[in-house]
Amino acid sequence: MPLNLSVLDAEPRLLMEVPLKALQGARFQPTGFPDLGAATYRHAEVDMLLVESAQSMANRLESVCWDEANDELVGPLQGLPYVRVVSDGKLATNSILESHRINSPYILEGTDKSFFNTLKDELGGLATGRVDLRLLAKVLLKYDVNALIHGVFLAKKELAGGRLRLPRMLSAFIEAEGIHVATSGGVKKDEVDPSGDTKKGFGHVPFHRDEYTAEKITAYFNLDLAQLRGYGLPDEAQKLLLVLSLYKIQKFLREGLRLRTACDLEAAGPVLVRRPESNFTLPSVAELEKELPALIKAAAANFANPPVTEVKYAKA
């Protein structure tokens, strides 16, 4: 029986959260920034930590759709449109793996302008006046369906003056509260020349390391249903985007929580639906995987033909 998601038909948001814990031990390594280190802050007299940012989570939710071993979409998502980049006769990257998706420089900045010019033609009516977001959504559905879910910014003056952008329809982040620093350290040893020039990689190098413990770690997911409906896409495409978004969340929770070498997490409880305040339950991965092939087939008339658009990249 097909999934019945009608309880979400008139809802503006689907808000969910999932308690997490370290898979082994109590420590974990948060995301770090070169100029900031760990992102710590205070809220309501509680020490907090950003474990994973919205930007990073978007990339992780995309990566669970890709089969690295076979270099293609995972089985249930076969047939979805995306842009593949070929360089020197080899697969180089694609719009699913690129952080900026269809706005990747490997797609739009190479010497091969065929796809860039296709976008320019199909979005040409947006050069002046108010941007028609429905037309933008229609074109993105055709070439890079994930850009509709994770947002896009086509920052090229030739494409409507660089005004083409969509916010994330699905956003997520992970934060921890009640944190404490777990300090440790070690030594990079050089038995050949312990006093060698450390600037060149020689010598003994002692170092310290800050990991964290937390009283509570939570993954948050926000699916903007009003934004999805605002795209004005056909019903079959809207349902595909909704089910695909739910699939990304469940698949990430099942197999994407090894965020870093020293940050391996797991769900510590069920997915909690905060809004809508109804009896909506997130379908399982198996239920979503069973649904997706038929939804992709039903929406295929809105995709490029073939669904994978190939772009040749050479440095301009």
C-alpha atoms as a PDB file:
ATOM      1  CA  MET A   1       0.000   0.000   0.000  1.00  0.00           C
ATOM      2  CA  PRO A   2       1.450   3.446  -0.942  1.00  0.00           C
ATOM      3  CA  LEU A   3       2.537   5.706   1.894  1.00  0.00           C
ATOM      4  CA  ASN A   4      -0.188   7.993   3.133  1.00  0.00           C
ATOM      5  CA  LEU A   5       1.369  11.374   3.964  1.00  0.00           C
ATOM      6  CA  SER A   6      -1.877  13.352   3.721  1.00  0.00           C
ATOM      7  CA  VAL A   7      -1.573  14.467   7.360  1.00  0.00           C
ATOM      8  CA  LEU A   8       1.149  16.844   6.118  1.00  0.00           C
ATOM      9  CA  ASP A   9      -0.915  18.362   3.289  1.00  0.00           C
ATOM     10  CA  ALA A  10      -1.755  21.638   5.030  1.00  0.00           C
ATOM     11  CA  GLU A  11       1.197  21.858   7.412  1.00  0.00           C
ATOM     12  CA  PRO A  12       3.822  24.589   6.991  1.00  0.00           C
ATOM     13  CA  ARG A  13       6.705  22.666   8.612  1.00  0.00           C
ATOM     14  CA  LEU A  14       7.712  19.194   9.649  1.00  0.00           C
ATOM     15  CA  LEU A  15      10.009  19.515  12.655  1.00  0.00           C
ATOM     16  CA  MET A  16      11.768  16.455  14.019  1.00  0.00           C
ATOM     17  CA  GLU A  17      14.551  15.724  16.462  1.00  0.00           C
ATOM     18  CA  VAL A  18      16.484  12.632  17.407  1.00  0.00           C
ATOM     19  CA  PRO A  19      18.511  12.025  20.596  1.00  0.00           C
ATOM     20  CA  LEU A  20      22.038  10.826  19.843  1.00  0.00           C
ATOM     21  CA  LYS A  21      24.877   9.345  21.877  1.00  0.00           C
ATOM     22  CA  ALA A  22      28.464   8.342  21.264  1.00  0.00           C
ATOM     23  CA  LEU A  23      28.595   4.875  19.741  1.00  0.00           C
ATOM     24  CA  GLN A  24      31.604   3.939  21.903  1.00  0.00           C
ATOM     25  CA  GLY A  25      32.747   5.623  25.087  1.00  0.00           C
ATOM     26  CA  ALA A  26      31.567   9.102  26.016  1.00  0.00           C
ATOM     27  CA  ARG A  27      33.785  11.470  24.031  1.00  0.00           C
ATOM     28  CA  PHE A  28      33.194  12.897  20.579  1.00  0.00           C
ATOM     29  CA  GLN A  29      34.949  15.286  18.228  1.00  0.00           C
ATOM     30  CA  PRO A  30      32.878  18.260  17.036  1.00  0.00           C
ATOM     31  CA  THR A  31      33.152  20.085  13.774  1.00  0.00           C
ATOM     32  CA  GLY A  32      36.035  22.545  13.860  1.00  0.00           C
ATOM     33  CA  PHE A  33      36.767  25.781  12.107  1.00  0.00           C
ATOM     34  CA  PRO A  34      40.316  26.934  11.249  1.00  0.00           C
ATOM     35  CA  ASP A  35      39.886  30.355  12.832  1.00  0.00           C
ATOM     36  CA  LEU A  36      37.452  29.382  15.631  1.00  0.00           C
ATOM     37  CA  GLY A  37      38.092  25.818  16.661  1.00  0.00           C
ATOM     38  CA  ALA A  38      35.046  24.157  18.168  1.00  0.00           C
ATOM     39  CA  ALA A  39      31.832  26.229  17.975  1.00  0.00           C
ATOM     40  CA  THR A  40      30.862  26.627  21.654  1.00  0.00           C
ATOM     41  CA  TYR A  41      28.287  29.044  23.072  1.00  0.00           C
ATOM     42  CA  ARG A  42      26.004  29.597  26.057  1.00  0.00           C
ATOM     43  CA  HIS A  43      22.217  29.311  26.045  1.00  0.00           C
ATOM     44  CA  ALA A  44      19.999  29.649  29.133  1.00  0.00           C
ATOM     45  CA  GLU A  45      23.048  29.258  31.390  1.00  0.00           C
ATOM     46  CA  VAL A  46      23.979  25.994  29.669  1.00  0.00           C
ATOM     47  CA  ASP A  47      27.243  25.352  27.812  1.00  0.00           C
ATOM     48  CA  MET A  48      26.402  24.355  24.240  1.00  0.00           C
ATOM     49  CA  LEU A  49      28.336  23.051  21.249  1.00  0.00           C
ATOM     50  CA  LEU A  50      27.531  22.927  17.546  1.00  0.00           C
ATOM     51  CA  VAL A  51      28.451  19.367  16.621  1.00  0.00           C
ATOM     52  CA  GLU A  52      27.479  19.642  12.937  1.00  0.00           C
ATOM     53  CA  SER A  53      26.425  22.738  11.002  1.00  0.00           C
ATOM     54  CA  ALA A  54      23.519  23.126   8.576  1.00  0.00           C
ATOM     55  CA  GLN A  55      25.977  23.406   5.703  1.00  0.00           C
ATOM     56  CA  SER A  56      27.744  20.196   6.593  1.00  0.00           C
ATOM     57  CA  MET A  57      24.492  18.349   7.227  1.00  0.00           C
ATOM     58  CA  ALA A  58      23.256  19.243   3.738  1.00  0.00           C
ATOM     59  CA  ASN A  59      26.339  17.602   2.273  1.00  0.00           C
ATOM     60  CA  ARG A  60      25.895  14.543   4.474  1.00  0.00           C
ATOM     61  CA  LEU A  61      22.233  14.187   3.512  1.00  0.00           C
ATOM     62  CA  GLU A  62      23.283  14.243  -0.121  1.00  0.00           C
ATOM     63  CA  SER A  63      26.137  11.806   0.342  1.00  0.00           C
ATOM     64  CA  VAL A  64      23.843   9.058   1.670  1.00  0.00           C
ATOM     65  CA  CYS A  65      22.247   9.055  -1.787  1.00  0.00           C
ATOM     66  CA  TRP A  66      25.523   8.135  -3.492  1.00  0.00           C
ATOM     67  CA  ASP A  67      26.998   4.660  -3.853  1.00  0.00           C
ATOM     68  CA  GLU A  68      30.746   5.301  -3.623  1.00  0.00           C
ATOM     69  CA  ALA A  69      31.663   1.713  -4.480  1.00  0.00           C
ATOM     70  CA  ASN A  70      29.851   1.816  -7.825  1.00  0.00           C
ATOM     71  CA  ASP A  71      30.098   5.582  -8.396  1.00  0.00           C
ATOM     72  CA  GLU A  72      26.395   6.068  -9.002  1.00  0.00           C
ATOM     73  CA  LEU A  73      23.140   6.784  -7.206  1.00  0.00           C
ATOM     74  CA  VAL A  74      22.037   4.153  -4.686  1.00  0.00           C
ATOM     75  CA  GLY A  75      19.604   1.618  -6.114  1.00  0.00           C
ATOM     76  CA  PRO A  76      16.256   3.109  -4.991  1.00  0.00           C
ATOM     77  CA  LEU A  77      17.225   6.514  -6.451  1.00  0.00           C
ATOM     78  CA  GLN A  78      18.217   5.342  -9.914  1.00  0.00           C
ATOM     79  CA  GLY A  79      16.634   7.633 -12.512  1.00  0.00           C
ATOM     80  CA  LEU A  80      16.899  10.879 -10.549  1.00  0.00           C
ATOM     81  CA  PRO A  81      18.386  13.736 -12.577  1.00  0.00           C
ATOM     82  CA  TYR A  82      21.816  15.153 -11.787  1.00  0.00           C
ATOM     83  CA  VAL A  83      24.783  16.660 -13.622  1.00  0.00           C
ATOM     84  CA  ARG A  84      27.888  14.520 -14.129  1.00  0.00           C
ATOM     85  CA  VAL A  85      31.284  16.107 -14.799  1.00  0.00           C
ATOM     86  CA  VAL A  86      33.867  14.384 -16.985  1.00  0.00           C
ATOM     87  CA  SER A  87      37.474  15.572 -17.127  1.00  0.00           C
ATOM     88  CA  ASP A  88      40.168  14.013 -19.330  1.00  0.00           C
ATOM     89  CA  GLY A  89      37.775  11.211 -20.156  1.00  0.00           C
ATOM     90  CA  LYS A  90      37.223  10.278 -16.506  1.00  0.00           C
ATOM     91  CA  LEU A  91      34.373  10.943 -14.097  1.00  0.00           C
ATOM     92  CA  ALA A  92      35.499  13.890 -12.007  1.00  0.00           C
ATOM     93  CA  THR A  93      32.533  14.856  -9.833  1.00  0.00           C
ATOM     94  CA  ASN A  94      28.806  15.543 -10.021  1.00  0.00           C
ATOM     95  CA  SER A  95      26.125  17.868  -8.720  1.00  0.00           C
ATOM     96  CA  ILE A  96      25.294  15.503  -5.838  1.00  0.00           C
ATOM     97  CA  LEU A  97      28.821  15.377  -4.476  1.00  0.00           C
ATOM     98  CA  GLU A  98      29.673  19.035  -5.075  1.00  0.00           C
ATOM     99  CA  SER A  99      29.075  21.297  -2.066  1.00  0.00           C
ATOM    100  CA  HIS A 100      27.472  23.980  -4.225  1.00  0.00           C
ATOM    101  CA  ARG A 101      25.524  21.428  -6.239  1.00  0.00           C
ATOM    102  CA  ILE A 102      24.576  22.708  -9.708  1.00  0.00           C
ATOM    103  CA  ASN A 103      26.489  25.944  -9.020  1.00  0.00           C
ATOM    104  CA  SER A 104      29.759  24.001  -8.860  1.00  0.00           C
ATOM    105  CA  PRO A 105      32.620  25.678 -10.758  1.00  0.00           C
ATOM    106  CA  TYR A 106      33.306  22.307 -12.405  1.00  0.00           C
ATOM    107  CA  ILE A 107      29.831  22.518 -13.950  1.00  0.00           C
ATOM    108  CA  LEU A 108      29.554  26.216 -14.773  1.00  0.00           C
ATOM    109  CA  GLU A 109      33.132  27.542 -15.004  1.00  0.00           C
ATOM    110  CA  GLY A 110      34.823  25.121 -17.407  1.00  0.00           C
ATOM    111  CA  THR A 111      35.474  25.597 -21.120  1.00  0.00           C
ATOM    112  CA  ASP A 112      32.446  23.448 -21.989  1.00  0.00           C
ATOM    113  CA  LYS A 113      29.623  25.994 -21.932  1.00  0.00           C
ATOM    114  CA  SER A 114      26.915  23.738 -23.371  1.00  0.00           C
ATOM    115  CA  PHE A 115      25.089  23.185 -20.085  1.00  0.00           C
ATOM    116  CA  PHE A 116      25.655  26.755 -18.918  1.00  0.00           C
ATOM    117  CA  ASN A 117      24.066  28.017 -22.143  1.00  0.00           C
ATOM    118  CA  THR A 118      21.181  25.569 -21.745  1.00  0.00           C
ATOM    119  CA  LEU A 119      20.478  26.998 -18.297  1.00  0.00           C
ATOM    120  CA  LYS A 120      20.812  30.520 -19.678  1.00  0.00           C
ATOM    121  CA  ASP A 121      18.260  29.785 -22.397  1.00  0.00           C
ATOM    122  CA  GLU A 122      15.774  28.038 -20.126  1.00  0.00           C
ATOM    123  CA  LEU A 123      16.049  30.744 -17.459  1.00  0.00           C
ATOM    124  CA  GLY A 124      16.329  33.582 -19.940  1.00  0.00           C
ATOM    125  CA  GLY A 125      12.974  35.072 -19.079  1.00  0.00           C
ATOM    126  CA  LEU A 126      14.288  35.920 -15.617  1.00  0.00           C
ATOM    127  CA  ALA A 127      16.913  38.417 -16.784  1.00  0.00           C
ATOM    128  CA  THR A 128      14.852  41.400 -15.609  1.00  0.00           C
ATOM    129  CA  GLY A 129      12.018  41.960 -13.181  1.00  0.00           C
ATOM    130  CA  ARG A 130      10.905  39.778 -10.336  1.00  0.00           C
ATOM    131  CA  VAL A 131      12.497  36.327 -10.308  1.00  0.00           C
ATOM    132  CA  ASP A 132      10.000  33.582 -11.160  1.00  0.00           C
ATOM    133  CA  LEU A 133      10.894  31.016  -8.525  1.00  0.00           C
ATOM    134  CA  ARG A 134       8.453  28.538 -10.017  1.00  0.00           C
ATOM    135  CA  LEU A 135      10.351  28.588 -13.302  1.00  0.00           C
ATOM    136  CA  LEU A 136      13.634  28.193 -11.418  1.00  0.00           C
ATOM    137  CA  ALA A 137      12.173  25.232  -9.501  1.00  0.00           C
ATOM    138  CA  LYS A 138      10.945  23.652 -12.737  1.00  0.00           C
ATOM    139  CA  VAL A 139      14.411  23.907 -14.307  1.00  0.00           C
ATOM    140  CA  LEU A 140      16.152  22.576 -11.195  1.00  0.00           C
ATOM    141  CA  LEU A 141      13.739  19.647 -11.056  1.00  0.00           C
ATOM    142  CA  LYS A 142      14.741  18.878 -14.618  1.00  0.00           C
ATOM    143  CA  TYR A 143      18.501  18.817 -14.050  1.00  0.00           C
ATOM    144  CA  ASP A 144      19.342  18.578 -10.326  1.00  0.00           C
ATOM    145  CA  VAL A 145      16.477  17.551  -8.072  1.00  0.00           C
ATOM    146  CA  ASN A 146      18.662  17.714  -4.956  1.00  0.00           C
ATOM    147  CA  ALA A 147      19.169  21.446  -5.442  1.00  0.00           C
ATOM    148  CA  LEU A 148      15.458  21.889  -4.715  1.00  0.00           C
ATOM    149  CA  ILE A 149      15.872  20.128  -1.386  1.00  0.00           C
ATOM    150  CA  HIS A 150      19.187  21.554  -0.210  1.00  0.00           C
ATOM    151  CA  GLY A 151      19.045  25.020  -1.788  1.00  0.00           C
ATOM    152  CA  VAL A 152      21.018  26.684  -4.530  1.00  0.00           C
ATOM    153  CA  PHE A 153      22.561  30.019  -5.415  1.00  0.00           C
ATOM    154  CA  LEU A 154      23.385  30.504  -9.094  1.00  0.00           C
ATOM    155  CA  ALA A 155      25.771  33.412  -8.560  1.00  0.00           C
ATOM    156  CA  LYS A 156      26.459  34.139 -12.225  1.00  0.00           C
ATOM    157  CA  LYS A 157      25.577  37.524 -13.700  1.00  0.00           C
ATOM    158  CA  GLU A 158      24.607  35.840 -16.981  1.00  0.00           C
ATOM    159  CA  LEU A 159      21.900  33.901 -15.109  1.00  0.00           C
ATOM    160  CA  ALA A 160      19.331  36.535 -14.131  1.00  0.00           C
ATOM    161  CA  GLY A 161      22.068  38.805 -12.843  1.00  0.00           C
ATOM    162  CA  GLY A 162      23.111  36.325 -10.156  1.00  0.00           C
ATOM    163  CA  ARG A 163      19.733  36.558  -8.398  1.00  0.00           C
ATOM    164  CA  LEU A 164      18.701  32.924  -8.697  1.00  0.00           C
ATOM    165  CA  ARG A 165      18.638  31.362  -5.280  1.00  0.00           C
ATOM    166  CA  LEU A 166      16.470  29.053  -3.228  1.00  0.00           C
ATOM    167  CA  PRO A 167      16.833  28.468   0.521  1.00  0.00           C
ATOM    168  CA  ARG A 168      17.115  24.972   1.888  1.00  0.00           C
ATOM    169  CA  MET A 169      13.798  23.127   1.906  1.00  0.00           C
ATOM    170  CA  LEU A 170      15.347  20.555   4.227  1.00  0.00           C
ATOM    171  CA  SER A 171      17.774  21.816   6.837  1.00  0.00           C
ATOM    172  CA  ALA A 172      19.394  20.032   9.763  1.00  0.00           C
ATOM    173  CA  PHE A 173      22.001  20.488  12.446  1.00  0.00           C
ATOM    174  CA  ILE A 174      23.344  18.669  15.490  1.00  0.00           C
ATOM    175  CA  GLU A 175      24.036  20.356  18.788  1.00  0.00           C
ATOM    176  CA  ALA A 176      25.113  19.233  22.241  1.00  0.00           C
ATOM    177  CA  GLU A 177      24.315  20.726  25.616  1.00  0.00           C
ATOM    178  CA  GLY A 178      25.849  20.389  29.044  1.00  0.00           C
ATOM    179  CA  ILE A 179      29.257  20.001  27.475  1.00  0.00           C
ATOM    180  CA  HIS A 180      32.665  19.480  29.052  1.00  0.00           C
ATOM    181  CA  VAL A 181      36.061  19.466  27.413  1.00  0.00           C
ATOM    182  CA  ALA A 182      37.880  16.143  27.442  1.00  0.00           C
ATOM    183  CA  THR A 183      41.521  17.054  26.983  1.00  0.00           C
ATOM    184  CA  SER A 184      44.104  14.556  25.831  1.00  0.00           C
ATOM    185  CA  GLY A 185      47.326  14.625  23.876  1.00  0.00           C
ATOM    186  CA  GLY A 186      50.098  12.701  22.218  1.00  0.00           C
ATOM    187  CA  VAL A 187      53.395  12.918  20.394  1.00  0.00           C
ATOM    188  CA  LYS A 188      54.176  12.561  16.720  1.00  0.00           C
ATOM    189  CA  LYS A 189      57.383  10.560  17.104  1.00  0.00           C
ATOM    190  CA  ASP A 190      60.499  10.668  14.937  1.00  0.00           C
ATOM    191  CA  GLU A 191      62.948   7.977  16.083  1.00  0.00           C
ATOM    192  CA  VAL A 192      65.420   8.859  13.312  1.00  0.00           C
ATOM    193  CA  ASP A 193      65.863  12.531  14.114  1.00  0.00           C
ATOM    194  CA  PRO A 194      63.912  13.470  17.269  1.00  0.00           C
ATOM    195  CA  SER A 195      65.197  17.058  17.177  1.00  0.00           C
ATOM    196  CA  GLY A 196      64.666  17.551  13.447  1.00  0.00           C
ATOM    197  CA  ASP A 197      63.061  20.584  11.837  1.00  0.00           C
ATOM    198  CA  THR A 198      59.403  20.290  12.778  1.00  0.00           C
ATOM    199  CA  LYS A 199      58.440  22.861  10.135  1.00  0.00           C
ATOM    200  CA  LYS A 200      59.448  20.287   7.519  1.00  0.00           C
ATOM    201  CA  GLY A 201      57.723  17.376   9.262  1.00  0.00           C
ATOM    202  CA  PHE A 202      60.742  15.991  11.149  1.00  0.00           C
ATOM    203  CA  GLY A 203      61.318  15.617  14.885  1.00  0.00           C
ATOM    204  CA  HIS A 204      59.165  14.785  17.878  1.00  0.00           C
ATOM    205  CA  VAL A 205      56.006  16.941  17.953  1.00  0.00           C
ATOM    206  CA  PRO A 206      53.933  16.905  21.147  1.00  0.00           C
ATOM    207  CA  PHE A 207      50.328  18.008  20.686  1.00  0.00           C
ATOM    208  CA  HIS A 208      47.163  18.432  22.688  1.00  0.00           C
ATOM    209  CA  ARG A 209      43.670  17.529  21.656  1.00  0.00           C
ATOM    210  CA  ASP A 210      40.260  18.718  22.855  1.00  0.00           C
ATOM    211  CA  GLU A 211      37.266  16.431  22.525  1.00  0.00           C
ATOM    212  CA  TYR A 212      33.951  16.814  24.353  1.00  0.00           C
ATOM    213  CA  THR A 213      31.432  14.982  26.484  1.00  0.00           C
ATOM    214  CA  ALA A 214      27.807  16.114  26.691  1.00  0.00           C
ATOM    215  CA  GLU A 215      24.755  15.551  28.811  1.00  0.00           C
ATOM    216  CA  LYS A 216      22.637  15.586  25.675  1.00  0.00           C
ATOM    217  CA  ILE A 217      23.221  15.457  21.907  1.00  0.00           C
ATOM    218  CA  THR A 218      20.363  16.096  19.497  1.00  0.00           C
ATOM    219  CA  ALA A 219      19.972  16.047  15.715  1.00  0.00           C
ATOM    220  CA  TYR A 220      17.321  18.469  14.429  1.00  0.00           C
ATOM    221  CA  PHE A 221      15.538  18.317  11.063  1.00  0.00           C
ATOM    222  CA  ASN A 222      13.305  21.010   9.557  1.00  0.00           C
ATOM    223  CA  LEU A 223      11.383  20.237   6.363  1.00  0.00           C
ATOM    224  CA  ASP A 224       9.697  23.340   4.930  1.00  0.00           C
ATOM    225  CA  LEU A 225       6.467  21.965   3.470  1.00  0.00           C
ATOM    226  CA  ALA A 226       5.154  25.416   2.563  1.00  0.00           C
ATOM    227  CA  GLN A 227       8.255  26.034   0.478  1.00  0.00           C
ATOM    228  CA  LEU A 228       7.758  22.698  -1.259  1.00  0.00           C
ATOM    229  CA  ARG A 229       4.185  23.586  -2.194  1.00  0.00           C
ATOM    230  CA  GLY A 230       5.326  27.056  -3.256  1.00  0.00           C
ATOM    231  CA  TYR A 231       7.430  25.565  -6.041  1.00  0.00           C
ATOM    232  CA  GLY A 232       4.184  24.956  -7.924  1.00  0.00           C
ATOM    233  CA  LEU A 233       5.432  21.645  -9.271  1.00  0.00           C
ATOM    234  CA  PRO A 234       3.156  18.804 -10.425  1.00  0.00           C
ATOM    235  CA  ASP A 235       1.748  16.617  -7.650  1.00  0.00           C
ATOM    236  CA  GLU A 236       3.954  13.655  -8.577  1.00  0.00           C
ATOM    237  CA  ALA A 237       7.074  15.827  -8.293  1.00  0.00           C
ATOM    238  CA  GLN A 238       5.988  17.275  -4.943  1.00  0.00           C
ATOM    239  CA  LYS A 239       5.414  13.827  -3.501  1.00  0.00           C
ATOM    240  CA  LEU A 240       8.782  12.667  -4.813  1.00  0.00           C
ATOM    241  CA  LEU A 241      10.563  15.599  -3.141  1.00  0.00           C
ATOM    242  CA  LEU A 242       8.769  14.926   0.137  1.00  0.00           C
ATOM    243  CA  VAL A 243       9.508  11.203   0.205  1.00  0.00           C
ATOM    244  CA  LEU A 244      13.098  11.759  -0.958  1.00  0.00           C
ATOM    245  CA  SER A 245      13.630  14.230   1.906  1.00  0.00           C
ATOM    246  CA  LEU A 246      12.297  11.748   4.467  1.00  0.00           C
ATOM    247  CA  TYR A 247      14.481   9.037   2.969  1.00  0.00           C
ATOM    248  CA  LYS A 248      17.599  11.190   3.342  1.00  0.00           C
ATOM    249  CA  ILE A 249      16.846  11.721   7.034  1.00  0.00           C
ATOM    250  CA  GLN A 250      16.246   8.054   7.794  1.00  0.00           C
ATOM    251  CA  LYS A 251      19.241   6.878   5.772  1.00  0.00           C
ATOM    252  CA  PHE A 252      21.508   9.421   7.445  1.00  0.00           C
ATOM    253  CA  LEU A 253      20.353   8.236  10.874  1.00  0.00           C
ATOM    254  CA  ARG A 254      20.975   4.629   9.882  1.00  0.00           C
ATOM    255  CA  GLU A 255      24.375   4.907   8.261  1.00  0.00           C
ATOM    256  CA  GLY A 256      25.663   8.492   8.185  1.00  0.00           C
ATOM    257  CA  LEU A 257      26.409   9.207  11.835  1.00  0.00           C
ATOM    258  CA  ARG A 258      30.144   8.524  11.662  1.00  0.00           C
ATOM    259  CA  LEU A 259      30.851  12.214  11.223  1.00  0.00           C
ATOM    260  CA  ARG A 260      34.593  12.104  11.845  1.00  0.00           C
ATOM    261  CA  THR A 261      37.229   9.637  13.016  1.00  0.00           C
ATOM    262  CA  ALA A 262      36.525  10.497  16.644  1.00  0.00           C
ATOM    263  CA  CYS A 263      32.847  11.361  16.236  1.00  0.00           C
ATOM    264  CA  ASP A 264      30.842   8.189  15.752  1.00  0.00           C
ATOM    265  CA  LEU A 265      27.273   8.607  16.974  1.00  0.00           C
ATOM    266  CA  GLU A 266      24.074   6.578  17.033  1.00  0.00           C
ATOM    267  CA  ALA A 267      20.423   7.258  17.720  1.00  0.00           C
ATOM    268  CA  ALA A 268      19.590   6.993  21.409  1.00  0.00           C
ATOM    269  CA  GLY A 269      15.827   6.943  20.893  1.00  0.00           C
ATOM    270  CA  PRO A 270      13.086   7.241  18.286  1.00  0.00           C
ATOM    271  CA  VAL A 271      12.550  10.183  15.932  1.00  0.00           C
ATOM    272  CA  LEU A 272      10.423  12.729  17.793  1.00  0.00           C
ATOM    273  CA  VAL A 273       7.992  14.763  15.677  1.00  0.00           C
ATOM    274  CA  ARG A 274       7.538  18.218  17.253  1.00  0.00           C
ATOM    275  CA  ARG A 275       5.369  19.707  14.505  1.00  0.00           C
ATOM    276  CA  PRO A 276       2.748  19.043  13.389  1.00  0.00           C
ATOM    277  CA  GLU A 277       1.310  18.018  16.710  1.00  0.00           C
ATOM    278  CA  SER A 278      -0.392  14.979  15.254  1.00  0.00           C
ATOM    279  CA  ASN A 279       0.230  11.273  15.048  1.00  0.00           C
ATOM    280  CA  PHE A 280       2.600  11.520  12.107  1.00  0.00           C
ATOM    281  CA  THR A 281       5.333   8.876  12.272  1.00  0.00           C
ATOM    282  CA  LEU A 282       8.402   9.026  10.058  1.00  0.00           C
ATOM    283  CA  PRO A 283       8.277   6.013   7.691  1.00  0.00           C
ATOM    284  CA  SER A 284      11.139   3.539   7.898  1.00  0.00           C
ATOM    285  CA  VAL A 285      13.992   3.336   5.389  1.00  0.00           C
ATOM    286  CA  ALA A 286      12.486   0.114   3.994  1.00  0.00           C
ATOM    287  CA  GLU A 287       9.082   1.752   3.474  1.00  0.00           C
ATOM    288  CA  LEU A 288      10.639   4.769   1.758  1.00  0.00           C
ATOM    289  CA  GLU A 289      12.936   2.662  -0.427  1.00  0.00           C
ATOM    290  CA  LYS A 290       9.952   0.654  -1.569  1.00  0.00           C
ATOM    291  CA  GLU A 291       8.080   3.831  -2.535  1.00  0.00           C
ATOM    292  CA  LEU A 292      10.804   5.797  -4.309  1.00  0.00           C
ATOM    293  CA  PRO A 293      11.271   3.884  -7.609  1.00  0.00           C
ATOM    294  CA  ALA A 294       7.592   4.285  -8.529  1.00  0.00           C
ATOM    295  CA  LEU A 295       7.654   7.968  -7.557  1.00  0.00           C
ATOM    296  CA  ILE A 296      10.752   8.587  -9.689  1.00  0.00           C
ATOM    297  CA  LYS A 297       9.104   6.849 -12.627  1.00  0.00           C
ATOM    298  CA  ALA A 298       5.924   8.891 -12.165  1.00  0.00           C
ATOM    299  CA  ALA A 299       7.866  12.174 -12.137  1.00  0.00           C
ATOM    300  CA  ALA A 300      10.307  11.255 -14.927  1.00  0.00           C
ATOM    301  CA  ALA A 301       8.472  13.325 -17.560  1.00  0.00           C
ATOM    302  CA  ASN A 302       9.705  16.407 -15.678  1.00  0.00           C
ATOM    303  CA  PHE A 303      13.361  15.330 -15.854  1.00  0.00           C
ATOM    304  CA  ALA A 304      15.974  15.845 -18.529  1.00  0.00           C
ATOM    305  CA  ASN A 305      16.154  13.002 -21.042  1.00  0.00           C
ATOM    306  CA  PRO A 306      18.438  11.227 -20.289  1.00  0.00           C
ATOM    307  CA  PRO A 307      18.244  12.203 -16.606  1.00  0.00           C
ATOM    308  CA  VAL A 308      22.027  12.406 -16.211  1.00  0.00           C
ATOM    309  CA  THR A 309      23.392  15.490 -17.975  1.00  0.00           C
ATOM    310  CA  GLU A 310      27.078  15.246 -18.805  1.00  0.00           C
ATOM    311  CA  VAL A 311      29.423  18.235 -18.758  1.00  0.00           C
ATOM    312  CA  LYS A 312      33.060  18.136 -19.862  1.00  0.00           C
ATOM    313  CA  TYR A 313      35.398  20.084 -17.601  1.00  0.00           C
ATOM    314  CA  ALA A 314      38.723  21.579 -18.531  1.00  0.00           C
ATOM    315  CA  LYS A 315      40.266  24.494 -16.716  1.00  0.00           C
ATOM    316  CA  ALA A 316      39.338  27.715 -18.518  1.00  0.00           C
END
